[in-house]
Amino acid sequence: MGRRARADHLTSPSHRPNNRFARKSGESFAHSRTNAGMESILGLRLQGGVLHLDPCIPCTWPSFEVSLRHGSARYEIRIENPGSVGRGIAFATIDEKVVMERPLSIRLADDGVTHRLQVRLG
């Protein structure tokens, strides 16, 4: 069974600091912590409306999944590591269409649709 990462849990009230300034900026603090984790651990980086992917995971992870919201759209991302290599994109699809561009970058749409991005490492 793969790992499942969820970015929206960090914005719950129990994760926000209690001082007045932090309450006002708590959500953006949690958002920046989430982005830092996604970038350094999972290799997913948001820049403007583009998602850049360069996963580097432990070789023992068979897969992981991330749900990402972009405006009204939702992106279900699954990274598979069948050869236990941990790095290097061998194959990618978005909504069952092959993506050949490397490094892998996906322009995100705000279209109210759930998109499925699958990446196989190798």
C-alpha atoms as a PDB file:
ATOM      1  CA  MET A   1       0.000   0.000   0.000  1.00  0.00           C
ATOM      2  CA  GLY A   2       1.339   3.434  -0.931  1.00  0.00           C
ATOM      3  CA  ARG A   3       1.614   6.614   1.088  1.00  0.00           C
ATOM      4  CA  ARG A   4      -1.157   9.198   0.970  1.00  0.00           C
ATOM      5  CA  ALA A   5      -0.342  12.851   1.554  1.00  0.00           C
ATOM      6  CA  ARG A   6      -3.015  15.394   2.362  1.00  0.00           C
ATOM      7  CA  ALA A   7      -2.265  19.074   2.287  1.00  0.00           C
ATOM      8  CA  ASP A   8      -5.539  20.387   3.738  1.00  0.00           C
ATOM      9  CA  HIS A   9      -5.088  19.018   7.289  1.00  0.00           C
ATOM     10  CA  LEU A  10      -2.559  21.721   8.223  1.00  0.00           C
ATOM     11  CA  THR A  11      -5.131  24.490   8.070  1.00  0.00           C
ATOM     12  CA  SER A  12      -7.241  23.090  10.937  1.00  0.00           C
ATOM     13  CA  PRO A  13      -7.476  25.345  14.040  1.00  0.00           C
ATOM     14  CA  SER A  14      -5.441  22.924  16.167  1.00  0.00           C
ATOM     15  CA  HIS A  15      -2.412  23.510  13.919  1.00  0.00           C
ATOM     16  CA  ARG A  16      -2.500  27.320  14.137  1.00  0.00           C
ATOM     17  CA  PRO A  17      -0.403  29.258  16.637  1.00  0.00           C
ATOM     18  CA  ASN A  18      -2.362  31.234  19.260  1.00  0.00           C
ATOM     19  CA  ASN A  19      -0.895  34.745  19.087  1.00  0.00           C
ATOM     20  CA  ARG A  20      -2.865  37.511  17.370  1.00  0.00           C
ATOM     21  CA  PHE A  21      -0.475  37.965  14.421  1.00  0.00           C
ATOM     22  CA  ALA A  22      -0.280  34.214  13.806  1.00  0.00           C
ATOM     23  CA  ARG A  23      -4.077  33.899  13.868  1.00  0.00           C
ATOM     24  CA  LYS A  24      -4.277  36.442  11.075  1.00  0.00           C
ATOM     25  CA  SER A  25      -1.611  34.692   9.028  1.00  0.00           C
ATOM     26  CA  GLY A  26      -2.109  31.111  10.260  1.00  0.00           C
ATOM     27  CA  GLU A  27      -3.531  29.808   7.041  1.00  0.00           C
ATOM     28  CA  SER A  28      -0.737  31.214   4.928  1.00  0.00           C
ATOM     29  CA  PHE A  29       1.818  29.863   7.451  1.00  0.00           C
ATOM     30  CA  ALA A  30       0.236  26.413   7.215  1.00  0.00           C
ATOM     31  CA  HIS A  31       0.137  26.759   3.440  1.00  0.00           C
ATOM     32  CA  SER A  32       3.855  27.578   3.318  1.00  0.00           C
ATOM     33  CA  ARG A  33       4.662  24.586   5.583  1.00  0.00           C
ATOM     34  CA  THR A  34       2.623  22.355   3.283  1.00  0.00           C
ATOM     35  CA  ASN A  35       4.393  23.669   0.182  1.00  0.00           C
ATOM     36  CA  ALA A  36       7.814  23.196   1.782  1.00  0.00           C
ATOM     37  CA  GLY A  37       6.988  19.576   2.586  1.00  0.00           C
ATOM     38  CA  MET A  38       5.608  18.907  -0.876  1.00  0.00           C
ATOM     39  CA  GLU A  39       8.666  20.450  -2.507  1.00  0.00           C
ATOM     40  CA  SER A  40      11.408  18.865  -0.437  1.00  0.00           C
ATOM     41  CA  ILE A  41       9.921  15.456   0.316  1.00  0.00           C
ATOM     42  CA  LEU A  42       7.613  14.682  -2.583  1.00  0.00           C
ATOM     43  CA  GLY A  43       9.181  16.766  -5.361  1.00  0.00           C
ATOM     44  CA  LEU A  44       5.999  18.680  -6.222  1.00  0.00           C
ATOM     45  CA  ARG A  45       6.397  22.432  -6.698  1.00  0.00           C
ATOM     46  CA  LEU A  46       3.707  24.981  -7.570  1.00  0.00           C
ATOM     47  CA  GLN A  47       4.835  28.026  -9.505  1.00  0.00           C
ATOM     48  CA  GLY A  48       2.079  30.289 -10.711  1.00  0.00           C
ATOM     49  CA  GLY A  49      -0.425  28.031 -12.428  1.00  0.00           C
ATOM     50  CA  VAL A  50       2.131  25.302 -13.200  1.00  0.00           C
ATOM     51  CA  LEU A  51       2.877  22.149 -11.217  1.00  0.00           C
ATOM     52  CA  HIS A  52       6.477  20.970 -11.578  1.00  0.00           C
ATOM     53  CA  LEU A  53       7.207  17.359 -10.628  1.00  0.00           C
ATOM     54  CA  ASP A  54      10.561  15.809  -9.761  1.00  0.00           C
ATOM     55  CA  PRO A  55       9.799  13.154  -7.140  1.00  0.00           C
ATOM     56  CA  CYS A  56      12.644  11.755  -5.058  1.00  0.00           C
ATOM     57  CA  ILE A  57      11.222   9.284  -2.561  1.00  0.00           C
ATOM     58  CA  PRO A  58      12.663   6.438  -0.494  1.00  0.00           C
ATOM     59  CA  CYS A  59      13.209   3.358  -2.645  1.00  0.00           C
ATOM     60  CA  THR A  60      11.055   1.380  -0.207  1.00  0.00           C
ATOM     61  CA  TRP A  61       7.938   3.452  -1.017  1.00  0.00           C
ATOM     62  CA  PRO A  62       5.938   1.606  -3.689  1.00  0.00           C
ATOM     63  CA  SER A  63       3.766   4.688  -4.347  1.00  0.00           C
ATOM     64  CA  PHE A  64       2.123   7.760  -2.873  1.00  0.00           C
ATOM     65  CA  GLU A  65      -0.905   9.883  -3.642  1.00  0.00           C
ATOM     66  CA  VAL A  66      -1.594  13.586  -3.277  1.00  0.00           C
ATOM     67  CA  SER A  67      -4.851  15.501  -3.719  1.00  0.00           C
ATOM     68  CA  LEU A  68      -4.355  19.072  -4.830  1.00  0.00           C
ATOM     69  CA  ARG A  69      -6.984  21.770  -5.295  1.00  0.00           C
ATOM     70  CA  HIS A  70      -6.438  24.558  -7.798  1.00  0.00           C
ATOM     71  CA  GLY A  71      -9.361  26.968  -7.747  1.00  0.00           C
ATOM     72  CA  SER A  72     -12.437  24.914  -8.607  1.00  0.00           C
ATOM     73  CA  ALA A  73     -10.397  21.999 -10.029  1.00  0.00           C
ATOM     74  CA  ARG A  74      -9.020  19.016  -8.147  1.00  0.00           C
ATOM     75  CA  TYR A  75      -5.922  17.057  -9.098  1.00  0.00           C
ATOM     76  CA  GLU A  76      -5.555  13.446  -7.931  1.00  0.00           C
ATOM     77  CA  ILE A  77      -1.841  12.669  -8.280  1.00  0.00           C
ATOM     78  CA  ARG A  78      -0.441   9.154  -8.000  1.00  0.00           C
ATOM     79  CA  ILE A  79       3.299   8.504  -8.123  1.00  0.00           C
ATOM     80  CA  GLU A  80       4.248   4.824  -8.583  1.00  0.00           C
ATOM     81  CA  ASN A  81       7.670   3.354  -7.885  1.00  0.00           C
ATOM     82  CA  PRO A  82       7.417  -0.223  -9.240  1.00  0.00           C
ATOM     83  CA  GLY A  83      11.178  -0.706  -9.675  1.00  0.00           C
ATOM     84  CA  SER A  84      12.085   0.680  -6.230  1.00  0.00           C
ATOM     85  CA  VAL A  85      14.278   3.346  -7.836  1.00  0.00           C
ATOM     86  CA  GLY A  86      12.870   6.362  -5.988  1.00  0.00           C
ATOM     87  CA  ARG A  87      13.693   8.927  -8.673  1.00  0.00           C
ATOM     88  CA  GLY A  88      13.421   9.652 -12.412  1.00  0.00           C
ATOM     89  CA  ILE A  89      10.163   9.880 -14.345  1.00  0.00           C
ATOM     90  CA  ALA A  90       9.768   7.046 -16.833  1.00  0.00           C
ATOM     91  CA  PHE A  91       6.145   7.649 -17.823  1.00  0.00           C
ATOM     92  CA  ALA A  92       3.385  10.189 -17.082  1.00  0.00           C
ATOM     93  CA  THR A  93      -0.240  10.736 -18.034  1.00  0.00           C
ATOM     94  CA  ILE A  94      -2.828  13.396 -17.233  1.00  0.00           C
ATOM     95  CA  ASP A  95      -6.442  12.386 -17.779  1.00  0.00           C
ATOM     96  CA  GLU A  96      -5.126   9.307 -19.650  1.00  0.00           C
ATOM     97  CA  LYS A  97      -3.126  11.421 -22.140  1.00  0.00           C
ATOM     98  CA  VAL A  98       0.615  10.743 -22.279  1.00  0.00           C
ATOM     99  CA  VAL A  99       2.847  13.649 -21.221  1.00  0.00           C
ATOM    100  CA  MET A 100       6.287  13.559 -22.861  1.00  0.00           C
ATOM    101  CA  GLU A 101       7.632  16.912 -21.613  1.00  0.00           C
ATOM    102  CA  ARG A 102      10.636  16.617 -19.289  1.00  0.00           C
ATOM    103  CA  PRO A 103      11.177  17.983 -16.789  1.00  0.00           C
ATOM    104  CA  LEU A 104       7.534  17.243 -16.068  1.00  0.00           C
ATOM    105  CA  SER A 105       5.428  20.398 -15.805  1.00  0.00           C
ATOM    106  CA  ILE A 106       1.635  20.500 -15.871  1.00  0.00           C
ATOM    107  CA  ARG A 107      -0.329  23.707 -16.454  1.00  0.00           C
ATOM    108  CA  LEU A 108      -3.188  23.622 -13.944  1.00  0.00           C
ATOM    109  CA  ALA A 109      -6.715  24.472 -15.054  1.00  0.00           C
ATOM    110  CA  ASP A 110      -9.383  26.119 -12.874  1.00  0.00           C
ATOM    111  CA  ASP A 111     -12.226  24.286 -14.607  1.00  0.00           C
ATOM    112  CA  GLY A 112     -14.226  22.522 -11.866  1.00  0.00           C
ATOM    113  CA  VAL A 113     -13.059  19.094 -13.064  1.00  0.00           C
ATOM    114  CA  THR A 114     -11.203  16.340 -11.206  1.00  0.00           C
ATOM    115  CA  HIS A 115      -8.022  15.572 -13.134  1.00  0.00           C
ATOM    116  CA  ARG A 116      -5.928  12.424 -12.681  1.00  0.00           C
ATOM    117  CA  LEU A 117      -2.174  12.612 -13.007  1.00  0.00           C
ATOM    118  CA  GLN A 118      -0.249   9.334 -12.928  1.00  0.00           C
ATOM    119  CA  VAL A 119       3.544   9.171 -12.848  1.00  0.00           C
ATOM    120  CA  ARG A 120       5.717   6.053 -12.941  1.00  0.00           C
ATOM    121  CA  LEU A 121       9.281   6.338 -11.711  1.00  0.00           C
ATOM    122  CA  GLY A 122      12.079   4.429 -13.364  1.00  0.00           C
END
